[in-house]
Amino acid sequence: GLFCFFGLSAEAIKGIIFCHILLT
């Protein structure tokens, strides 16, 4: 979803970090 919305960008990287932290 992040790649579709934001492409390979800082926003996508920020989003997956956010996801991993919230899961943990």
mmCIF file of all heavy atoms, coordinates in Angstrom:
data_MODEL
# 
_entry.id   MODEL 
# 
loop_
_atom_site.group_PDB 
_atom_site.id 
_atom_site.type_symbol 
_atom_site.label_atom_id 
_atom_site.label_alt_id 
_atom_site.label_comp_id 
_atom_site.label_asym_id 
_atom_site.label_entity_id 
_atom_site.label_seq_id 
_atom_site.pdbx_PDB_ins_code 
_atom_site.Cartn_x 
_atom_site.Cartn_y 
_atom_site.Cartn_z 
_atom_site.occupancy 
_atom_site.B_iso_or_equiv 
_atom_site.pdbx_formal_charge 
_atom_site.auth_seq_id 
_atom_site.auth_comp_id 
_atom_site.auth_asym_id 
_atom_site.auth_atom_id 
_atom_site.pdbx_PDB_model_num 
ATOM 1   N N   . GLY A 1 1  ? 0.816  -1.215 0.000  1.00 0.00 ? 1  GLY A N   1 
ATOM 2   C CA  . GLY A 1 1  ? 0.000  0.000  0.000  1.00 0.00 ? 1  GLY A CA  1 
ATOM 3   C C   . GLY A 1 1  ? 0.844  1.256  0.000  1.00 0.00 ? 1  GLY A C   1 
ATOM 4   O O   . GLY A 1 1  ? 0.564  2.211  -0.738 1.00 0.00 ? 1  GLY A O   1 
ATOM 5   N N   . LEU A 1 2  ? 1.896  1.259  0.798  1.00 0.00 ? 2  LEU A N   1 
ATOM 6   C CA  . LEU A 1 2  ? 2.784  2.425  0.861  1.00 0.00 ? 2  LEU A CA  1 
ATOM 7   C C   . LEU A 1 2  ? 3.457  2.688  -0.480 1.00 0.00 ? 2  LEU A C   1 
ATOM 8   O O   . LEU A 1 2  ? 3.567  3.840  -0.917 1.00 0.00 ? 2  LEU A O   1 
ATOM 9   C CB  . LEU A 1 2  ? 3.853  2.206  1.939  1.00 0.00 ? 2  LEU A CB  1 
ATOM 10  C CG  . LEU A 1 2  ? 3.379  2.282  3.393  1.00 0.00 ? 2  LEU A CG  1 
ATOM 11  C CD1 . LEU A 1 2  ? 4.459  1.774  4.330  1.00 0.00 ? 2  LEU A CD1 1 
ATOM 12  C CD2 . LEU A 1 2  ? 2.992  3.711  3.758  1.00 0.00 ? 2  LEU A CD2 1 
ATOM 13  N N   . PHE A 1 3  ? 3.903  1.611  -1.141 1.00 0.00 ? 3  PHE A N   1 
ATOM 14  C CA  . PHE A 1 3  ? 4.559  1.786  -2.437 1.00 0.00 ? 3  PHE A CA  1 
ATOM 15  C C   . PHE A 1 3  ? 3.565  2.298  -3.481 1.00 0.00 ? 3  PHE A C   1 
ATOM 16  O O   . PHE A 1 3  ? 3.926  3.143  -4.313 1.00 0.00 ? 3  PHE A O   1 
ATOM 17  C CB  . PHE A 1 3  ? 5.178  0.480  -2.904 1.00 0.00 ? 3  PHE A CB  1 
ATOM 18  C CG  . PHE A 1 3  ? 5.996  0.615  -4.159 1.00 0.00 ? 3  PHE A CG  1 
ATOM 19  C CD1 . PHE A 1 3  ? 7.281  1.133  -4.110 1.00 0.00 ? 3  PHE A CD1 1 
ATOM 20  C CD2 . PHE A 1 3  ? 5.478  0.251  -5.395 1.00 0.00 ? 3  PHE A CD2 1 
ATOM 21  C CE1 . PHE A 1 3  ? 8.041  1.282  -5.264 1.00 0.00 ? 3  PHE A CE1 1 
ATOM 22  C CE2 . PHE A 1 3  ? 6.222  0.390  -6.548 1.00 0.00 ? 3  PHE A CE2 1 
ATOM 23  C CZ  . PHE A 1 3  ? 7.509  0.913  -6.487 1.00 0.00 ? 3  PHE A CZ  1 
ATOM 24  N N   . CYS A 1 4  ? 2.338  1.792  -3.436 1.00 0.00 ? 4  CYS A N   1 
ATOM 25  C CA  . CYS A 1 4  ? 1.317  2.251  -4.388 1.00 0.00 ? 4  CYS A CA  1 
ATOM 26  C C   . CYS A 1 4  ? 0.950  3.717  -4.157 1.00 0.00 ? 4  CYS A C   1 
ATOM 27  O O   . CYS A 1 4  ? 0.707  4.459  -5.112 1.00 0.00 ? 4  CYS A O   1 
ATOM 28  C CB  . CYS A 1 4  ? 0.069  1.380  -4.280 1.00 0.00 ? 4  CYS A CB  1 
ATOM 29  S SG  . CYS A 1 4  ? 0.295  -0.316 -4.853 1.00 0.00 ? 4  CYS A SG  1 
ATOM 30  N N   . PHE A 1 5  ? 0.913  4.123  -2.885 1.00 0.00 ? 5  PHE A N   1 
ATOM 31  C CA  . PHE A 1 5  ? 0.527  5.494  -2.558 1.00 0.00 ? 5  PHE A CA  1 
ATOM 32  C C   . PHE A 1 5  ? 1.680  6.487  -2.723 1.00 0.00 ? 5  PHE A C   1 
ATOM 33  O O   . PHE A 1 5  ? 1.494  7.592  -3.234 1.00 0.00 ? 5  PHE A O   1 
ATOM 34  C CB  . PHE A 1 5  ? 0.026  5.566  -1.111 1.00 0.00 ? 5  PHE A CB  1 
ATOM 35  C CG  . PHE A 1 5  ? -1.445 5.318  -0.964 1.00 0.00 ? 5  PHE A CG  1 
ATOM 36  C CD1 . PHE A 1 5  ? -1.965 4.042  -1.111 1.00 0.00 ? 5  PHE A CD1 1 
ATOM 37  C CD2 . PHE A 1 5  ? -2.326 6.354  -0.677 1.00 0.00 ? 5  PHE A CD2 1 
ATOM 38  C CE1 . PHE A 1 5  ? -3.318 3.796  -0.964 1.00 0.00 ? 5  PHE A CE1 1 
ATOM 39  C CE2 . PHE A 1 5  ? -3.681 6.126  -0.540 1.00 0.00 ? 5  PHE A CE2 1 
ATOM 40  C CZ  . PHE A 1 5  ? -4.185 4.838  -0.681 1.00 0.00 ? 5  PHE A CZ  1 
ATOM 41  N N   . PHE A 1 6  ? 2.866  6.103  -2.257 1.00 0.00 ? 6  PHE A N   1 
ATOM 42  C CA  . PHE A 1 6  ? 3.969  7.057  -2.156 1.00 0.00 ? 6  PHE A CA  1 
ATOM 43  C C   . PHE A 1 6  ? 5.184  6.714  -3.002 1.00 0.00 ? 6  PHE A C   1 
ATOM 44  O O   . PHE A 1 6  ? 6.129  7.506  -3.070 1.00 0.00 ? 6  PHE A O   1 
ATOM 45  C CB  . PHE A 1 6  ? 4.415  7.179  -0.685 1.00 0.00 ? 6  PHE A CB  1 
ATOM 46  C CG  . PHE A 1 6  ? 3.295  7.486  0.261  1.00 0.00 ? 6  PHE A CG  1 
ATOM 47  C CD1 . PHE A 1 6  ? 2.821  6.512  1.136  1.00 0.00 ? 6  PHE A CD1 1 
ATOM 48  C CD2 . PHE A 1 6  ? 2.695  8.728  0.274  1.00 0.00 ? 6  PHE A CD2 1 
ATOM 49  C CE1 . PHE A 1 6  ? 1.785  6.783  2.019  1.00 0.00 ? 6  PHE A CE1 1 
ATOM 50  C CE2 . PHE A 1 6  ? 1.657  9.018  1.151  1.00 0.00 ? 6  PHE A CE2 1 
ATOM 51  C CZ  . PHE A 1 6  ? 1.201  8.042  2.022  1.00 0.00 ? 6  PHE A CZ  1 
ATOM 52  N N   . GLY A 1 7  ? 5.184  5.513  -3.625 1.00 0.00 ? 7  GLY A N   1 
ATOM 53  C CA  . GLY A 1 7  ? 6.344  5.107  -4.390 1.00 0.00 ? 7  GLY A CA  1 
ATOM 54  C C   . GLY A 1 7  ? 7.517  4.786  -3.472 1.00 0.00 ? 7  GLY A C   1 
ATOM 55  O O   . GLY A 1 7  ? 7.343  4.625  -2.259 1.00 0.00 ? 7  GLY A O   1 
ATOM 56  N N   . LEU A 1 8  ? 8.690  4.691  -4.035 1.00 0.00 ? 8  LEU A N   1 
ATOM 57  C CA  . LEU A 1 8  ? 9.887  4.429  -3.239 1.00 0.00 ? 8  LEU A CA  1 
ATOM 58  C C   . LEU A 1 8  ? 10.404 5.765  -2.721 1.00 0.00 ? 8  LEU A C   1 
ATOM 59  O O   . LEU A 1 8  ? 11.258 6.408  -3.328 1.00 0.00 ? 8  LEU A O   1 
ATOM 60  C CB  . LEU A 1 8  ? 10.944 3.727  -4.091 1.00 0.00 ? 8  LEU A CB  1 
ATOM 61  C CG  . LEU A 1 8  ? 12.148 3.143  -3.348 1.00 0.00 ? 8  LEU A CG  1 
ATOM 62  C CD1 . LEU A 1 8  ? 11.693 2.131  -2.314 1.00 0.00 ? 8  LEU A CD1 1 
ATOM 63  C CD2 . LEU A 1 8  ? 13.117 2.509  -4.325 1.00 0.00 ? 8  LEU A CD2 1 
ATOM 64  N N   . SER A 1 9  ? 9.871  6.186  -1.577 1.00 0.00 ? 9  SER A N   1 
ATOM 65  C CA  . SER A 1 9  ? 10.150 7.520  -1.061 1.00 0.00 ? 9  SER A CA  1 
ATOM 66  C C   . SER A 1 9  ? 10.393 7.484  0.437  1.00 0.00 ? 9  SER A C   1 
ATOM 67  O O   . SER A 1 9  ? 10.204 6.450  1.098  1.00 0.00 ? 9  SER A O   1 
ATOM 68  C CB  . SER A 1 9  ? 8.967  8.450  -1.362 1.00 0.00 ? 9  SER A CB  1 
ATOM 69  O OG  . SER A 1 9  ? 7.805  7.987  -0.677 1.00 0.00 ? 9  SER A OG  1 
ATOM 70  N N   . ALA A 1 10 ? 10.791 8.629  0.973  1.00 0.00 ? 10 ALA A N   1 
ATOM 71  C CA  . ALA A 1 10 ? 10.993 8.758  2.413  1.00 0.00 ? 10 ALA A CA  1 
ATOM 72  C C   . ALA A 1 10 ? 9.684  8.531  3.160  1.00 0.00 ? 10 ALA A C   1 
ATOM 73  O O   . ALA A 1 10 ? 9.679  7.967  4.265  1.00 0.00 ? 10 ALA A O   1 
ATOM 74  C CB  . ALA A 1 10 ? 11.556 10.147 2.736  1.00 0.00 ? 10 ALA A CB  1 
ATOM 75  N N   . GLU A 1 11 ? 8.590  8.937  2.560  1.00 0.00 ? 11 GLU A N   1 
ATOM 76  C CA  . GLU A 1 11 ? 7.278  8.762  3.193  1.00 0.00 ? 11 GLU A CA  1 
ATOM 77  C C   . GLU A 1 11 ? 6.938  7.285  3.340  1.00 0.00 ? 11 GLU A C   1 
ATOM 78  O O   . GLU A 1 11 ? 6.390  6.864  4.364  1.00 0.00 ? 11 GLU A O   1 
ATOM 79  C CB  . GLU A 1 11 ? 6.202  9.467  2.359  1.00 0.00 ? 11 GLU A CB  1 
ATOM 80  C CG  . GLU A 1 11 ? 4.888  9.684  3.075  1.00 0.00 ? 11 GLU A CG  1 
ATOM 81  C CD  . GLU A 1 11 ? 4.970  10.749 4.148  1.00 0.00 ? 11 GLU A CD  1 
ATOM 82  O OE1 . GLU A 1 11 ? 5.987  11.466 4.219  1.00 0.00 ? 11 GLU A OE1 1 
ATOM 83  O OE2 . GLU A 1 11 ? 3.999  10.873 4.923  1.00 0.00 ? 11 GLU A OE2 1 
ATOM 84  N N   . ALA A 1 12 ? 7.262  6.489  2.327  1.00 0.00 ? 12 ALA A N   1 
ATOM 85  C CA  . ALA A 1 12 ? 7.008  5.049  2.386  1.00 0.00 ? 12 ALA A CA  1 
ATOM 86  C C   . ALA A 1 12 ? 7.869  4.383  3.461  1.00 0.00 ? 12 ALA A C   1 
ATOM 87  O O   . ALA A 1 12 ? 7.394  3.517  4.206  1.00 0.00 ? 12 ALA A O   1 
ATOM 88  C CB  . ALA A 1 12 ? 7.273  4.414  1.023  1.00 0.00 ? 12 ALA A CB  1 
ATOM 89  N N   . ILE A 1 13 ? 9.127  4.791  3.532  1.00 0.00 ? 13 ILE A N   1 
ATOM 90  C CA  . ILE A 1 13 ? 10.033 4.237  4.548  1.00 0.00 ? 13 ILE A CA  1 
ATOM 91  C C   . ILE A 1 13 ? 9.542  4.613  5.943  1.00 0.00 ? 13 ILE A C   1 
ATOM 92  O O   . ILE A 1 13 ? 9.538  3.797  6.867  1.00 0.00 ? 13 ILE A O   1 
ATOM 93  C CB  . ILE A 1 13 ? 11.468 4.749  4.315  1.00 0.00 ? 13 ILE A CB  1 
ATOM 94  C CG1 . ILE A 1 13 ? 12.001 4.197  2.988  1.00 0.00 ? 13 ILE A CG1 1 
ATOM 95  C CG2 . ILE A 1 13 ? 12.385 4.358  5.464  1.00 0.00 ? 13 ILE A CG2 1 
ATOM 96  C CD1 . ILE A 1 13 ? 13.319 4.778  2.556  1.00 0.00 ? 13 ILE A CD1 1 
ATOM 97  N N   . LYS A 1 14 ? 9.113  5.860  6.092  1.00 0.00 ? 14 LYS A N   1 
ATOM 98  C CA  . LYS A 1 14 ? 8.584  6.322  7.373  1.00 0.00 ? 14 LYS A CA  1 
ATOM 99  C C   . LYS A 1 14 ? 7.344  5.522  7.770  1.00 0.00 ? 14 LYS A C   1 
ATOM 100 O O   . LYS A 1 14 ? 7.176  5.150  8.931  1.00 0.00 ? 14 LYS A O   1 
ATOM 101 C CB  . LYS A 1 14 ? 8.247  7.817  7.279  1.00 0.00 ? 14 LYS A CB  1 
ATOM 102 C CG  . LYS A 1 14 ? 7.704  8.417  8.549  1.00 0.00 ? 14 LYS A CG  1 
ATOM 103 C CD  . LYS A 1 14 ? 7.777  9.927  8.506  1.00 0.00 ? 14 LYS A CD  1 
ATOM 104 C CE  . LYS A 1 14 ? 6.916  10.543 7.439  1.00 0.00 ? 14 LYS A CE  1 
ATOM 105 N NZ  . LYS A 1 14 ? 6.908  12.020 7.524  1.00 0.00 ? 14 LYS A NZ  1 
ATOM 106 N N   . GLY A 1 15 ? 6.512  5.236  6.791  1.00 0.00 ? 15 GLY A N   1 
ATOM 107 C CA  . GLY A 1 15 ? 5.285  4.488  7.058  1.00 0.00 ? 15 GLY A CA  1 
ATOM 108 C C   . GLY A 1 15 ? 5.537  3.067  7.531  1.00 0.00 ? 15 GLY A C   1 
ATOM 109 O O   . GLY A 1 15 ? 4.876  2.582  8.452  1.00 0.00 ? 15 GLY A O   1 
ATOM 110 N N   . ILE A 1 16 ? 6.505  2.385  6.929  1.00 0.00 ? 16 ILE A N   1 
ATOM 111 C CA  . ILE A 1 16 ? 6.762  0.996  7.326  1.00 0.00 ? 16 ILE A CA  1 
ATOM 112 C C   . ILE A 1 16 ? 7.454  0.938  8.685  1.00 0.00 ? 16 ILE A C   1 
ATOM 113 O O   . ILE A 1 16 ? 7.224  0.006  9.476  1.00 0.00 ? 16 ILE A O   1 
ATOM 114 C CB  . ILE A 1 16 ? 7.592  0.250  6.243  1.00 0.00 ? 16 ILE A CB  1 
ATOM 115 C CG1 . ILE A 1 16 ? 7.435  -1.267 6.431  1.00 0.00 ? 16 ILE A CG1 1 
ATOM 116 C CG2 . ILE A 1 16 ? 9.028  0.661  6.250  1.00 0.00 ? 16 ILE A CG2 1 
ATOM 117 C CD1 . ILE A 1 16 ? 6.032  -1.787 6.291  1.00 0.00 ? 16 ILE A CD1 1 
ATOM 118 N N   . ILE A 1 17 ? 8.276  1.935  8.988  1.00 0.00 ? 17 ILE A N   1 
ATOM 119 C CA  . ILE A 1 17 ? 8.871  2.011  10.327 1.00 0.00 ? 17 ILE A CA  1 
ATOM 120 C C   . ILE A 1 17 ? 7.772  2.194  11.368 1.00 0.00 ? 17 ILE A C   1 
ATOM 121 O O   . ILE A 1 17 ? 7.766  1.545  12.420 1.00 0.00 ? 17 ILE A O   1 
ATOM 122 C CB  . ILE A 1 17 ? 9.896  3.156  10.409 1.00 0.00 ? 17 ILE A CB  1 
ATOM 123 C CG1 . ILE A 1 17 ? 11.112 2.853  9.534  1.00 0.00 ? 17 ILE A CG1 1 
ATOM 124 C CG2 . ILE A 1 17 ? 10.330 3.403  11.858 1.00 0.00 ? 17 ILE A CG2 1 
ATOM 125 C CD1 . ILE A 1 17 ? 12.102 4.004  9.431  1.00 0.00 ? 17 ILE A CD1 1 
ATOM 126 N N   . PHE A 1 18 ? 6.848  3.074  11.068 1.00 0.00 ? 18 PHE A N   1 
ATOM 127 C CA  . PHE A 1 18 ? 5.693  3.331  11.942 1.00 0.00 ? 18 PHE A CA  1 
ATOM 128 C C   . PHE A 1 18 ? 4.897  2.043  12.171 1.00 0.00 ? 18 PHE A C   1 
ATOM 129 O O   . PHE A 1 18 ? 4.512  1.725  13.302 1.00 0.00 ? 18 PHE A O   1 
ATOM 130 C CB  . PHE A 1 18 ? 4.818  4.400  11.287 1.00 0.00 ? 18 PHE A CB  1 
ATOM 131 C CG  . PHE A 1 18 ? 3.687  4.900  12.138 1.00 0.00 ? 18 PHE A CG  1 
ATOM 132 C CD1 . PHE A 1 18 ? 3.883  5.226  13.479 1.00 0.00 ? 18 PHE A CD1 1 
ATOM 133 C CD2 . PHE A 1 18 ? 2.420  5.073  11.595 1.00 0.00 ? 18 PHE A CD2 1 
ATOM 134 C CE1 . PHE A 1 18 ? 2.836  5.706  14.251 1.00 0.00 ? 18 PHE A CE1 1 
ATOM 135 C CE2 . PHE A 1 18 ? 1.377  5.546  12.354 1.00 0.00 ? 18 PHE A CE2 1 
ATOM 136 C CZ  . PHE A 1 18 ? 1.576  5.875  13.685 1.00 0.00 ? 18 PHE A CZ  1 
ATOM 137 N N   . CYS A 1 19 ? 4.674  1.306  11.100 1.00 0.00 ? 19 CYS A N   1 
ATOM 138 C CA  . CYS A 1 19 ? 3.947  0.036  11.173 1.00 0.00 ? 19 CYS A CA  1 
ATOM 139 C C   . CYS A 1 19 ? 4.670  -0.961 12.071 1.00 0.00 ? 19 CYS A C   1 
ATOM 140 O O   . CYS A 1 19 ? 4.060  -1.586 12.951 1.00 0.00 ? 19 CYS A O   1 
ATOM 141 C CB  . CYS A 1 19 ? 3.769  -0.531 9.766  1.00 0.00 ? 19 CYS A CB  1 
ATOM 142 S SG  . CYS A 1 19 ? 3.073  -2.203 9.711  1.00 0.00 ? 19 CYS A SG  1 
ATOM 143 N N   . HIS A 1 20 ? 5.956  -1.128 11.883 1.00 0.00 ? 20 HIS A N   1 
ATOM 144 C CA  . HIS A 1 20 ? 6.741  -2.080 12.666 1.00 0.00 ? 20 HIS A CA  1 
ATOM 145 C C   . HIS A 1 20 ? 6.749  -1.722 14.155 1.00 0.00 ? 20 HIS A C   1 
ATOM 146 O O   . HIS A 1 20 ? 6.631  -2.597 15.021 1.00 0.00 ? 20 HIS A O   1 
ATOM 147 C CB  . HIS A 1 20 ? 8.172  -2.141 12.140 1.00 0.00 ? 20 HIS A CB  1 
ATOM 148 C CG  . HIS A 1 20 ? 8.311  -2.983 10.914 1.00 0.00 ? 20 HIS A CG  1 
ATOM 149 N ND1 . HIS A 1 20 ? 9.349  -2.815 10.011 1.00 0.00 ? 20 HIS A ND1 1 
ATOM 150 C CD2 . HIS A 1 20 ? 7.559  -3.997 10.438 1.00 0.00 ? 20 HIS A CD2 1 
ATOM 151 C CE1 . HIS A 1 20 ? 9.221  -3.699 9.029  1.00 0.00 ? 20 HIS A CE1 1 
ATOM 152 N NE2 . HIS A 1 20 ? 8.142  -4.423 9.269  1.00 0.00 ? 20 HIS A NE2 1 
ATOM 153 N N   . ILE A 1 21 ? 6.873  -0.439 14.442 1.00 0.00 ? 21 ILE A N   1 
ATOM 154 C CA  . ILE A 1 21 ? 6.883  -0.011 15.843 1.00 0.00 ? 21 ILE A CA  1 
ATOM 155 C C   . ILE A 1 21 ? 5.537  -0.273 16.506 1.00 0.00 ? 21 ILE A C   1 
ATOM 156 O O   . ILE A 1 21 ? 5.475  -0.764 17.641 1.00 0.00 ? 21 ILE A O   1 
ATOM 157 C CB  . ILE A 1 21 ? 7.261  1.483  15.955 1.00 0.00 ? 21 ILE A CB  1 
ATOM 158 C CG1 . ILE A 1 21 ? 8.685  1.712  15.456 1.00 0.00 ? 21 ILE A CG1 1 
ATOM 159 C CG2 . ILE A 1 21 ? 7.117  1.963  17.400 1.00 0.00 ? 21 ILE A CG2 1 
ATOM 160 C CD1 . ILE A 1 21 ? 9.075  3.175  15.353 1.00 0.00 ? 21 ILE A CD1 1 
ATOM 161 N N   . LEU A 1 22 ? 4.457  0.034  15.814 1.00 0.00 ? 22 LEU A N   1 
ATOM 162 C CA  . LEU A 1 22 ? 3.122  -0.173 16.385 1.00 0.00 ? 22 LEU A CA  1 
ATOM 163 C C   . LEU A 1 22 ? 2.821  -1.658 16.576 1.00 0.00 ? 22 LEU A C   1 
ATOM 164 O O   . LEU A 1 22 ? 2.169  -2.044 17.552 1.00 0.00 ? 22 LEU A O   1 
ATOM 165 C CB  . LEU A 1 22 ? 2.056  0.478  15.508 1.00 0.00 ? 22 LEU A CB  1 
ATOM 166 C CG  . LEU A 1 22 ? 1.995  2.009  15.550 1.00 0.00 ? 22 LEU A CG  1 
ATOM 167 C CD1 . LEU A 1 22 ? 0.900  2.524  14.628 1.00 0.00 ? 22 LEU A CD1 1 
ATOM 168 C CD2 . LEU A 1 22 ? 1.758  2.509  16.973 1.00 0.00 ? 22 LEU A CD2 1 
ATOM 169 N N   . LEU A 1 23 ? 3.286  -2.496 15.659 1.00 0.00 ? 23 LEU A N   1 
ATOM 170 C CA  . LEU A 1 23 ? 3.103  -3.940 15.824 1.00 0.00 ? 23 LEU A CA  1 
ATOM 171 C C   . LEU A 1 23 ? 3.854  -4.450 17.051 1.00 0.00 ? 23 LEU A C   1 
ATOM 172 O O   . LEU A 1 23 ? 3.320  -5.240 17.834 1.00 0.00 ? 23 LEU A O   1 
ATOM 173 C CB  . LEU A 1 23 ? 3.582  -4.678 14.568 1.00 0.00 ? 23 LEU A CB  1 
ATOM 174 C CG  . LEU A 1 23 ? 2.698  -4.607 13.328 1.00 0.00 ? 23 LEU A CG  1 
ATOM 175 C CD1 . LEU A 1 23 ? 3.363  -5.317 12.156 1.00 0.00 ? 23 LEU A CD1 1 
ATOM 176 C CD2 . LEU A 1 23 ? 1.330  -5.218 13.586 1.00 0.00 ? 23 LEU A CD2 1 
ATOM 177 N N   . THR A 1 24 ? 5.089  -3.988 17.206 1.00 0.00 ? 24 THR A N   1 
ATOM 178 C CA  . THR A 1 24 ? 5.886  -4.385 18.369 1.00 0.00 ? 24 THR A CA  1 
ATOM 179 C C   . THR A 1 24 ? 5.234  -3.910 19.668 1.00 0.00 ? 24 THR A C   1 
ATOM 180 O O   . THR A 1 24 ? 5.141  -4.664 20.645 1.00 0.00 ? 24 THR A O   1 
ATOM 181 C CB  . THR A 1 24 ? 7.311  -3.809 18.274 1.00 0.00 ? 24 THR A CB  1 
ATOM 182 O OG1 . THR A 1 24 ? 7.911  -4.235 17.049 1.00 0.00 ? 24 THR A OG1 1 
ATOM 183 C CG2 . THR A 1 24 ? 8.167  -4.261 19.440 1.00 0.00 ? 24 THR A CG2 1 
# 
